[in-house]
Amino acid sequence: MLEKKTALDKCEIVNMDTIPMIQCRHAVWVEDDGVVIGGKQYHRHVIAPDSDVSGKDPAVQAMAATLFTDEIKAAYAAKQAENI
């Protein structure tokens, strides 16, 4: 029986213009009775300090709570204001 699977594969901290952000990688693959068919495909997205992470994976929420301090959020807001 074919089954499409998706999983949060990796989360890492990346710095974009000295502001730390969280980059998440999700893997997508197809299994036939537990055997992976073909290869995995990956999708990445970046979570900024002003992002709503309430619907994200609990691991991502924990990273965001630790990383995105008020100081980081203020620095990110200031950087965004510069780019307007």
PDB file of N, CA and C in Angstrom:
ATOM      1  N   MET A   1       0.833  -1.177   0.000  1.00  0.00           N
ATOM      2  CA  MET A   1       0.000   0.000   0.000  1.00  0.00           C
ATOM      3  C   MET A   1       0.886   1.252   0.000  1.00  0.00           C
ATOM      4  N   LEU A   2       0.660   2.129  -0.954  1.00  0.00           N
ATOM      5  CA  LEU A   2       1.446   3.350  -1.043  1.00  0.00           C
ATOM      6  C   LEU A   2       0.972   4.365  -0.001  1.00  0.00           C
ATOM      7  N   GLU A   3       1.952   5.027   0.612  1.00  0.00           N
ATOM      8  CA  GLU A   3       1.637   6.018   1.629  1.00  0.00           C
ATOM      9  C   GLU A   3       2.639   7.169   1.537  1.00  0.00           C
ATOM     10  N   LYS A   4       2.114   8.386   1.441  1.00  0.00           N
ATOM     11  CA  LYS A   4       2.960   9.575   1.424  1.00  0.00           C
ATOM     12  C   LYS A   4       3.228   9.990   2.860  1.00  0.00           C
ATOM     13  N   LYS A   5       4.497  10.250   3.170  1.00  0.00           N
ATOM     14  CA  LYS A   5       4.884  10.639   4.525  1.00  0.00           C
ATOM     15  C   LYS A   5       5.618  11.974   4.497  1.00  0.00           C
ATOM     16  N   THR A   6       5.422  12.725   5.561  1.00  0.00           N
ATOM     17  CA  THR A   6       6.101  14.012   5.731  1.00  0.00           C
ATOM     18  C   THR A   6       6.585  14.094   7.165  1.00  0.00           C
ATOM     19  N   ALA A   7       7.802  14.589   7.359  1.00  0.00           N
ATOM     20  CA  ALA A   7       8.329  14.722   8.714  1.00  0.00           C
ATOM     21  C   ALA A   7       9.267  15.916   8.796  1.00  0.00           C
ATOM     22  N   LEU A   8       9.256  16.551   9.952  1.00  0.00           N
ATOM     23  CA  LEU A   8      10.246  17.583  10.238  1.00  0.00           C
ATOM     24  C   LEU A   8      11.575  16.861  10.369  1.00  0.00           C
ATOM     25  N   ASP A   9      12.509  17.210   9.520  1.00  0.00           N
ATOM     26  CA  ASP A   9      13.749  16.456   9.387  1.00  0.00           C
ATOM     27  C   ASP A   9      14.909  17.119  10.115  1.00  0.00           C
ATOM     28  N   LYS A  10      14.935  18.448  10.101  1.00  0.00           N
ATOM     29  CA  LYS A  10      16.064  19.160  10.697  1.00  0.00           C
ATOM     30  C   LYS A  10      15.653  20.591  11.005  1.00  0.00           C
ATOM     31  N   CYS A  11      16.137  21.114  12.125  1.00  0.00           N
ATOM     32  CA  CYS A  11      15.996  22.536  12.451  1.00  0.00           C
ATOM     33  C   CYS A  11      17.369  23.043  12.850  1.00  0.00           C
ATOM     34  N   GLU A  12      17.717  24.194  12.331  1.00  0.00           N
ATOM     35  CA  GLU A  12      19.012  24.766  12.670  1.00  0.00           C
ATOM     36  C   GLU A  12      18.906  26.270  12.757  1.00  0.00           C
ATOM     37  N   ILE A  13      19.834  26.851  13.487  1.00  0.00           N
ATOM     38  CA  ILE A  13      19.870  28.311  13.638  1.00  0.00           C
ATOM     39  C   ILE A  13      20.792  28.868  12.565  1.00  0.00           C
ATOM     40  N   VAL A  14      20.286  29.829  11.816  1.00  0.00           N
ATOM     41  CA  VAL A  14      21.076  30.513  10.795  1.00  0.00           C
ATOM     42  C   VAL A  14      21.044  32.004  11.089  1.00  0.00           C
ATOM     43  N   ASN A  15      22.100  32.701  10.740  1.00  0.00           N
ATOM     44  CA  ASN A  15      22.150  34.149  10.933  1.00  0.00           C
ATOM     45  C   ASN A  15      21.937  34.838   9.607  1.00  0.00           C
ATOM     46  N   MET A  16      20.953  35.722   9.580  1.00  0.00           N
ATOM     47  CA  MET A  16      20.674  36.506   8.389  1.00  0.00           C
ATOM     48  C   MET A  16      20.860  37.967   8.781  1.00  0.00           C
ATOM     49  N   ASP A  17      21.903  38.575   8.262  1.00  0.00           N
ATOM     50  CA  ASP A  17      22.242  39.958   8.622  1.00  0.00           C
ATOM     51  C   ASP A  17      22.390  40.095  10.131  1.00  0.00           C
ATOM     52  N   THR A  18      23.069  39.163  10.751  1.00  0.00           N
ATOM     53  CA  THR A  18      23.367  39.113  12.192  1.00  0.00           C
ATOM     54  C   THR A  18      22.155  38.850  13.069  1.00  0.00           C
ATOM     55  N   ILE A  19      20.997  38.623  12.504  1.00  0.00           N
ATOM     56  CA  ILE A  19      19.798  38.285  13.273  1.00  0.00           C
ATOM     57  C   ILE A  19      19.606  36.768  13.182  1.00  0.00           C
ATOM     58  N   PRO A  20      19.579  36.059  14.313  1.00  0.00           N
ATOM     59  CA  PRO A  20      19.381  34.614  14.245  1.00  0.00           C
ATOM     60  C   PRO A  20      17.952  34.255  13.850  1.00  0.00           C
ATOM     61  N   MET A  21      17.838  33.254  13.004  1.00  0.00           N
ATOM     62  CA  MET A  21      16.544  32.742  12.558  1.00  0.00           C
ATOM     63  C   MET A  21      16.599  31.226  12.619  1.00  0.00           C
ATOM     64  N   ILE A  22      15.447  30.596  12.528  1.00  0.00           N
ATOM     65  CA  ILE A  22      15.373  29.143  12.556  1.00  0.00           C
ATOM     66  C   ILE A  22      15.040  28.658  11.152  1.00  0.00           C
ATOM     67  N   GLN A  23      15.889  27.776  10.631  1.00  0.00           N
ATOM     68  CA  GLN A  23      15.622  27.171   9.330  1.00  0.00           C
ATOM     69  C   GLN A  23      15.173  25.732   9.566  1.00  0.00           C
ATOM     70  N   CYS A  24      14.003  25.390   9.030  1.00  0.00           N
ATOM     71  CA  CYS A  24      13.450  24.046   9.195  1.00  0.00           C
ATOM     72  C   CYS A  24      13.450  23.330   7.854  1.00  0.00           C
ATOM     73  N   ARG A  25      13.765  22.040   7.912  1.00  0.00           N
ATOM     74  CA  ARG A  25      13.726  21.212   6.716  1.00  0.00           C
ATOM     75  C   ARG A  25      12.715  20.094   6.952  1.00  0.00           C
ATOM     76  N   HIS A  26      11.804  19.956   6.003  1.00  0.00           N
ATOM     77  CA  HIS A  26      10.813  18.886   6.042  1.00  0.00           C
ATOM     78  C   HIS A  26      11.134  17.902   4.929  1.00  0.00           C
ATOM     79  N   ALA A  27      11.043  16.620   5.243  1.00  0.00           N
ATOM     80  CA  ALA A  27      11.260  15.566   4.247  1.00  0.00           C
ATOM     81  C   ALA A  27       9.907  15.013   3.819  1.00  0.00           C
ATOM     82  N   VAL A  28       9.782  14.723   2.529  1.00  0.00           N
ATOM     83  CA  VAL A  28       8.568  14.114   1.974  1.00  0.00           C
ATOM     84  C   VAL A  28       9.013  12.905   1.166  1.00  0.00           C
ATOM     85  N   TRP A  29       8.329  11.768   1.392  1.00  0.00           N
ATOM     86  CA  TRP A  29       8.657  10.552   0.661  1.00  0.00           C
ATOM     87  C   TRP A  29       7.435   9.652   0.548  1.00  0.00           C
ATOM     88  N   VAL A  30       7.566   8.650  -0.291  1.00  0.00           N
ATOM     89  CA  VAL A  30       6.499   7.671  -0.490  1.00  0.00           C
ATOM     90  C   VAL A  30       7.025   6.310  -0.053  1.00  0.00           C
ATOM     91  N   GLU A  31       6.195   5.595   0.701  1.00  0.00           N
ATOM     92  CA  GLU A  31       6.533   4.240   1.133  1.00  0.00           C
ATOM     93  C   GLU A  31       5.527   3.241   0.575  1.00  0.00           C
ATOM     94  N   ASP A  32       6.020   2.059   0.246  1.00  0.00           N
ATOM     95  CA  ASP A  32       5.169   0.940  -0.157  1.00  0.00           C
ATOM     96  C   ASP A  32       5.416  -0.180   0.844  1.00  0.00           C
ATOM     97  N   ASP A  33       4.458  -0.394   1.727  1.00  0.00           N
ATOM     98  CA  ASP A  33       4.595  -1.387   2.799  1.00  0.00           C
ATOM     99  C   ASP A  33       5.878  -1.194   3.608  1.00  0.00           C
ATOM    100  N   GLY A  34       6.159   0.044   3.958  1.00  0.00           N
ATOM    101  CA  GLY A  34       7.309   0.354   4.801  1.00  0.00           C
ATOM    102  C   GLY A  34       8.620   0.537   4.072  1.00  0.00           C
ATOM    103  N   VAL A  35       8.635   0.347   2.757  1.00  0.00           N
ATOM    104  CA  VAL A  35       9.855   0.500   1.957  1.00  0.00           C
ATOM    105  C   VAL A  35       9.777   1.820   1.207  1.00  0.00           C
ATOM    106  N   VAL A  36      10.806   2.656   1.339  1.00  0.00           N
ATOM    107  CA  VAL A  36      10.833   3.952   0.663  1.00  0.00           C
ATOM    108  C   VAL A  36      10.967   3.737  -0.839  1.00  0.00           C
ATOM    109  N   ILE A  37      10.078   4.368  -1.592  1.00  0.00           N
ATOM    110  CA  ILE A  37      10.081   4.294  -3.052  1.00  0.00           C
ATOM    111  C   ILE A  37      10.711   5.582  -3.567  1.00  0.00           C
ATOM    112  N   GLY A  38      11.740   5.457  -4.385  1.00  0.00           N
ATOM    113  CA  GLY A  38      12.424   6.654  -4.874  1.00  0.00           C
ATOM    114  C   GLY A  38      13.197   7.293  -3.733  1.00  0.00           C
ATOM    115  N   GLY A  39      13.437   8.568  -3.840  1.00  0.00           N
ATOM    116  CA  GLY A  39      14.169   9.266  -2.800  1.00  0.00           C
ATOM    117  C   GLY A  39      13.284  10.234  -2.046  1.00  0.00           C
ATOM    118  N   LYS A  40      13.866  10.832  -1.065  1.00  0.00           N
ATOM    119  CA  LYS A  40      13.158  11.854  -0.306  1.00  0.00           C
ATOM    120  C   LYS A  40      13.328  13.200  -0.999  1.00  0.00           C
ATOM    121  N   GLN A  41      12.313  14.021  -0.874  1.00  0.00           N
ATOM    122  CA  GLN A  41      12.398  15.402  -1.333  1.00  0.00           C
ATOM    123  C   GLN A  41      12.346  16.285  -0.097  1.00  0.00           C
ATOM    124  N   TYR A  42      12.982  17.439  -0.183  1.00  0.00           N
ATOM    125  CA  TYR A  42      13.085  18.313   0.979  1.00  0.00           C
ATOM    126  C   TYR A  42      12.517  19.695   0.675  1.00  0.00           C
ATOM    127  N   HIS A  43      11.933  20.277   1.681  1.00  0.00           N
ATOM    128  CA  HIS A  43      11.416  21.636   1.608  1.00  0.00           C
ATOM    129  C   HIS A  43      11.934  22.369   2.834  1.00  0.00           C
ATOM    130  N   ARG A  44      12.465  23.568   2.611  1.00  0.00           N
ATOM    131  CA  ARG A  44      12.977  24.375   3.721  1.00  0.00           C
ATOM    132  C   ARG A  44      12.192  25.669   3.836  1.00  0.00           C
ATOM    133  N   HIS A  45      12.086  26.150   5.047  1.00  0.00           N
ATOM    134  CA  HIS A  45      11.540  27.486   5.273  1.00  0.00           C
ATOM    135  C   HIS A  45      12.221  28.081   6.496  1.00  0.00           C
ATOM    136  N   VAL A  46      12.234  29.401   6.537  1.00  0.00           N
ATOM    137  CA  VAL A  46      12.900  30.128   7.613  1.00  0.00           C
ATOM    138  C   VAL A  46      11.849  30.788   8.491  1.00  0.00           C
ATOM    139  N   ILE A  47      12.065  30.700   9.788  1.00  0.00           N
ATOM    140  CA  ILE A  47      11.177  31.315  10.760  1.00  0.00           C
ATOM    141  C   ILE A  47      11.893  32.515  11.364  1.00  0.00           C
ATOM    142  N   ALA A  48      11.298  33.675  11.186  1.00  0.00           N
ATOM    143  CA  ALA A  48      11.866  34.932  11.677  1.00  0.00           C
ATOM    144  C   ALA A  48      11.415  35.189  13.114  1.00  0.00           C
ATOM    145  N   PRO A  49      12.106  36.095  13.813  1.00  0.00           N
ATOM    146  CA  PRO A  49      11.760  36.385  15.202  1.00  0.00           C
ATOM    147  C   PRO A  49      10.335  36.893  15.416  1.00  0.00           C
ATOM    148  N   ASP A  50       9.707  37.460  14.397  1.00  0.00           N
ATOM    149  CA  ASP A  50       8.342  37.973  14.573  1.00  0.00           C
ATOM    150  C   ASP A  50       7.273  36.980  14.095  1.00  0.00           C
ATOM    151  N   SER A  51       7.682  35.743  13.790  1.00  0.00           N
ATOM    152  CA  SER A  51       6.748  34.731  13.283  1.00  0.00           C
ATOM    153  C   SER A  51       5.896  34.146  14.402  1.00  0.00           C
ATOM    154  N   ASP A  52       4.678  33.766  14.035  1.00  0.00           N
ATOM    155  CA  ASP A  52       3.790  33.047  14.943  1.00  0.00           C
ATOM    156  C   ASP A  52       4.124  31.564  14.821  1.00  0.00           C
ATOM    157  N   VAL A  53       4.628  30.978  15.885  1.00  0.00           N
ATOM    158  CA  VAL A  53       5.022  29.568  15.855  1.00  0.00           C
ATOM    159  C   VAL A  53       4.031  28.678  16.612  1.00  0.00           C
ATOM    160  N   SER A  54       2.877  29.216  16.957  1.00  0.00           N
ATOM    161  CA  SER A  54       1.918  28.469  17.771  1.00  0.00           C
ATOM    162  C   SER A  54       1.449  27.177  17.102  1.00  0.00           C
ATOM    163  N   GLY A  55       1.409  27.123  15.788  1.00  0.00           N
ATOM    164  CA  GLY A  55       0.970  25.919  15.096  1.00  0.00           C
ATOM    165  C   GLY A  55       2.107  25.023  14.635  1.00  0.00           C
ATOM    166  N   LYS A  56       3.320  25.377  14.993  1.00  0.00           N
ATOM    167  CA  LYS A  56       4.497  24.615  14.548  1.00  0.00           C
ATOM    168  C   LYS A  56       4.765  23.431  15.476  1.00  0.00           C
ATOM    169  N   ASP A  57       5.666  22.581  15.047  1.00  0.00           N
ATOM    170  CA  ASP A  57       6.113  21.434  15.824  1.00  0.00           C
ATOM    171  C   ASP A  57       6.597  21.900  17.208  1.00  0.00           C
ATOM    172  N   PRO A  58       6.343  21.132  18.261  1.00  0.00           N
ATOM    173  CA  PRO A  58       6.785  21.530  19.606  1.00  0.00           C
ATOM    174  C   PRO A  58       8.289  21.804  19.712  1.00  0.00           C
ATOM    175  N   ALA A  59       9.102  21.093  18.951  1.00  0.00           N
ATOM    176  CA  ALA A  59      10.547  21.345  18.968  1.00  0.00           C
ATOM    177  C   ALA A  59      10.864  22.730  18.422  1.00  0.00           C
ATOM    178  N   VAL A  60      10.142  23.138  17.381  1.00  0.00           N
ATOM    179  CA  VAL A  60      10.330  24.470  16.795  1.00  0.00           C
ATOM    180  C   VAL A  60       9.865  25.537  17.790  1.00  0.00           C
ATOM    181  N   GLN A  61       8.753  25.299  18.447  1.00  0.00           N
ATOM    182  CA  GLN A  61       8.255  26.239  19.450  1.00  0.00           C
ATOM    183  C   GLN A  61       9.273  26.426  20.577  1.00  0.00           C
ATOM    184  N   ALA A  62       9.878  25.341  21.007  1.00  0.00           N
ATOM    185  CA  ALA A  62      10.875  25.426  22.077  1.00  0.00           C
ATOM    186  C   ALA A  62      12.104  26.206  21.627  1.00  0.00           C
ATOM    187  N   MET A  63      12.546  25.942  20.398  1.00  0.00           N
ATOM    188  CA  MET A  63      13.700  26.697  19.877  1.00  0.00           C
ATOM    189  C   MET A  63      13.383  28.176  19.811  1.00  0.00           C
ATOM    190  N   ALA A  64      12.202  28.514  19.297  1.00  0.00           N
ATOM    191  CA  ALA A  64      11.811  29.917  19.149  1.00  0.00           C
ATOM    192  C   ALA A  64      11.711  30.602  20.510  1.00  0.00           C
ATOM    193  N   ALA A  65      11.155  29.916  21.499  1.00  0.00           N
ATOM    194  CA  ALA A  65      11.016  30.499  22.836  1.00  0.00           C
ATOM    195  C   ALA A  65      12.378  30.814  23.453  1.00  0.00           C
ATOM    196  N   THR A  66      13.352  29.966  23.172  1.00  0.00           N
ATOM    197  CA  THR A  66      14.693  30.170  23.710  1.00  0.00           C
ATOM    198  C   THR A  66      15.472  31.223  22.921  1.00  0.00           C
ATOM    199  N   LEU A  67      15.373  31.164  21.609  1.00  0.00           N
ATOM    200  CA  LEU A  67      16.190  32.005  20.735  1.00  0.00           C
ATOM    201  C   LEU A  67      15.647  33.415  20.572  1.00  0.00           C
ATOM    202  N   PHE A  68      14.353  33.540  20.399  1.00  0.00           N
ATOM    203  CA  PHE A  68      13.761  34.839  20.072  1.00  0.00           C
ATOM    204  C   PHE A  68      13.429  35.621  21.334  1.00  0.00           C
ATOM    205  N   THR A  69      14.468  36.133  21.948  1.00  0.00           N
ATOM    206  CA  THR A  69      14.308  36.973  23.140  1.00  0.00           C
ATOM    207  C   THR A  69      13.751  38.334  22.734  1.00  0.00           C
ATOM    208  N   ASP A  70      13.340  39.115  23.709  1.00  0.00           N
ATOM    209  CA  ASP A  70      12.847  40.471  23.421  1.00  0.00           C
ATOM    210  C   ASP A  70      13.921  41.294  22.727  1.00  0.00           C
ATOM    211  N   GLU A  71      15.172  41.097  23.106  1.00  0.00           N
ATOM    212  CA  GLU A  71      16.291  41.822  22.481  1.00  0.00           C
ATOM    213  C   GLU A  71      16.419  41.464  20.998  1.00  0.00           C
ATOM    214  N   ILE A  72      16.325  40.184  20.689  1.00  0.00           N
ATOM    215  CA  ILE A  72      16.413  39.725  19.293  1.00  0.00           C
ATOM    216  C   ILE A  72      15.226  40.245  18.491  1.00  0.00           C
ATOM    217  N   LYS A  73      14.028  40.185  19.081  1.00  0.00           N
ATOM    218  CA  LYS A  73      12.836  40.687  18.389  1.00  0.00           C
ATOM    219  C   LYS A  73      12.956  42.177  18.103  1.00  0.00           C
ATOM    220  N   ALA A  74      13.489  42.951  19.041  1.00  0.00           N
ATOM    221  CA  ALA A  74      13.666  44.396  18.844  1.00  0.00           C
ATOM    222  C   ALA A  74      14.701  44.671  17.754  1.00  0.00           C
ATOM    223  N   ALA A  75      15.795  43.910  17.756  1.00  0.00           N
ATOM    224  CA  ALA A  75      16.825  44.082  16.724  1.00  0.00           C
ATOM    225  C   ALA A  75      16.273  43.740  15.346  1.00  0.00           C
ATOM    226  N   TYR A  76      15.450  42.705  15.272  1.00  0.00           N
ATOM    227  CA  TYR A  76      14.839  42.326  14.002  1.00  0.00           C
ATOM    228  C   TYR A  76      13.877  43.412  13.518  1.00  0.00           C
ATOM    229  N   ALA A  77      13.059  43.944  14.413  1.00  0.00           N
ATOM    230  CA  ALA A  77      12.125  45.013  14.053  1.00  0.00           C
ATOM    231  C   ALA A  77      12.880  46.242  13.570  1.00  0.00           C
ATOM    232  N   ALA A  78      13.982  46.575  14.228  1.00  0.00           N
ATOM    233  CA  ALA A  78      14.783  47.727  13.804  1.00  0.00           C
ATOM    234  C   ALA A  78      15.382  47.506  12.419  1.00  0.00           C
ATOM    235  N   LYS A  79      15.843  46.292  12.173  1.00  0.00           N
ATOM    236  CA  LYS A  79      16.429  45.954  10.870  1.00  0.00           C
ATOM    237  C   LYS A  79      15.359  46.034   9.769  1.00  0.00           C
ATOM    238  N   GLN A  80      14.151  45.556  10.077  1.00  0.00           N
ATOM    239  CA  GLN A  80      13.061  45.635   9.112  1.00  0.00           C
ATOM    240  C   GLN A  80      12.701  47.089   8.825  1.00  0.00           C
ATOM    241  N   ALA A  81      12.702  47.930   9.849  1.00  0.00           N
ATOM    242  CA  ALA A  81      12.383  49.355   9.659  1.00  0.00           C
ATOM    243  C   ALA A  81      13.410  50.046   8.775  1.00  0.00           C
ATOM    244  N   GLU A  82      14.681  49.617   8.860  1.00  0.00           N
ATOM    245  CA  GLU A  82      15.728  50.175   8.014  1.00  0.00           C
ATOM    246  C   GLU A  82      15.476  49.869   6.544  1.00  0.00           C
ATOM    247  N   ASN A  83      14.873  48.734   6.270  1.00  0.00           N
ATOM    248  CA  ASN A  83      14.693  48.270   4.891  1.00  0.00           C
ATOM    249  C   ASN A  83      13.414  48.807   4.227  1.00  0.00           C
ATOM    250  N   ILE A  84      12.690  49.644   4.920  1.00  0.00           N
ATOM    251  CA  ILE A  84      11.453  50.198   4.326  1.00  0.00           C
ATOM    252  C   ILE A  84      11.764  51.367   3.463  1.00  0.00           C
TER     253      ILE A  84
END
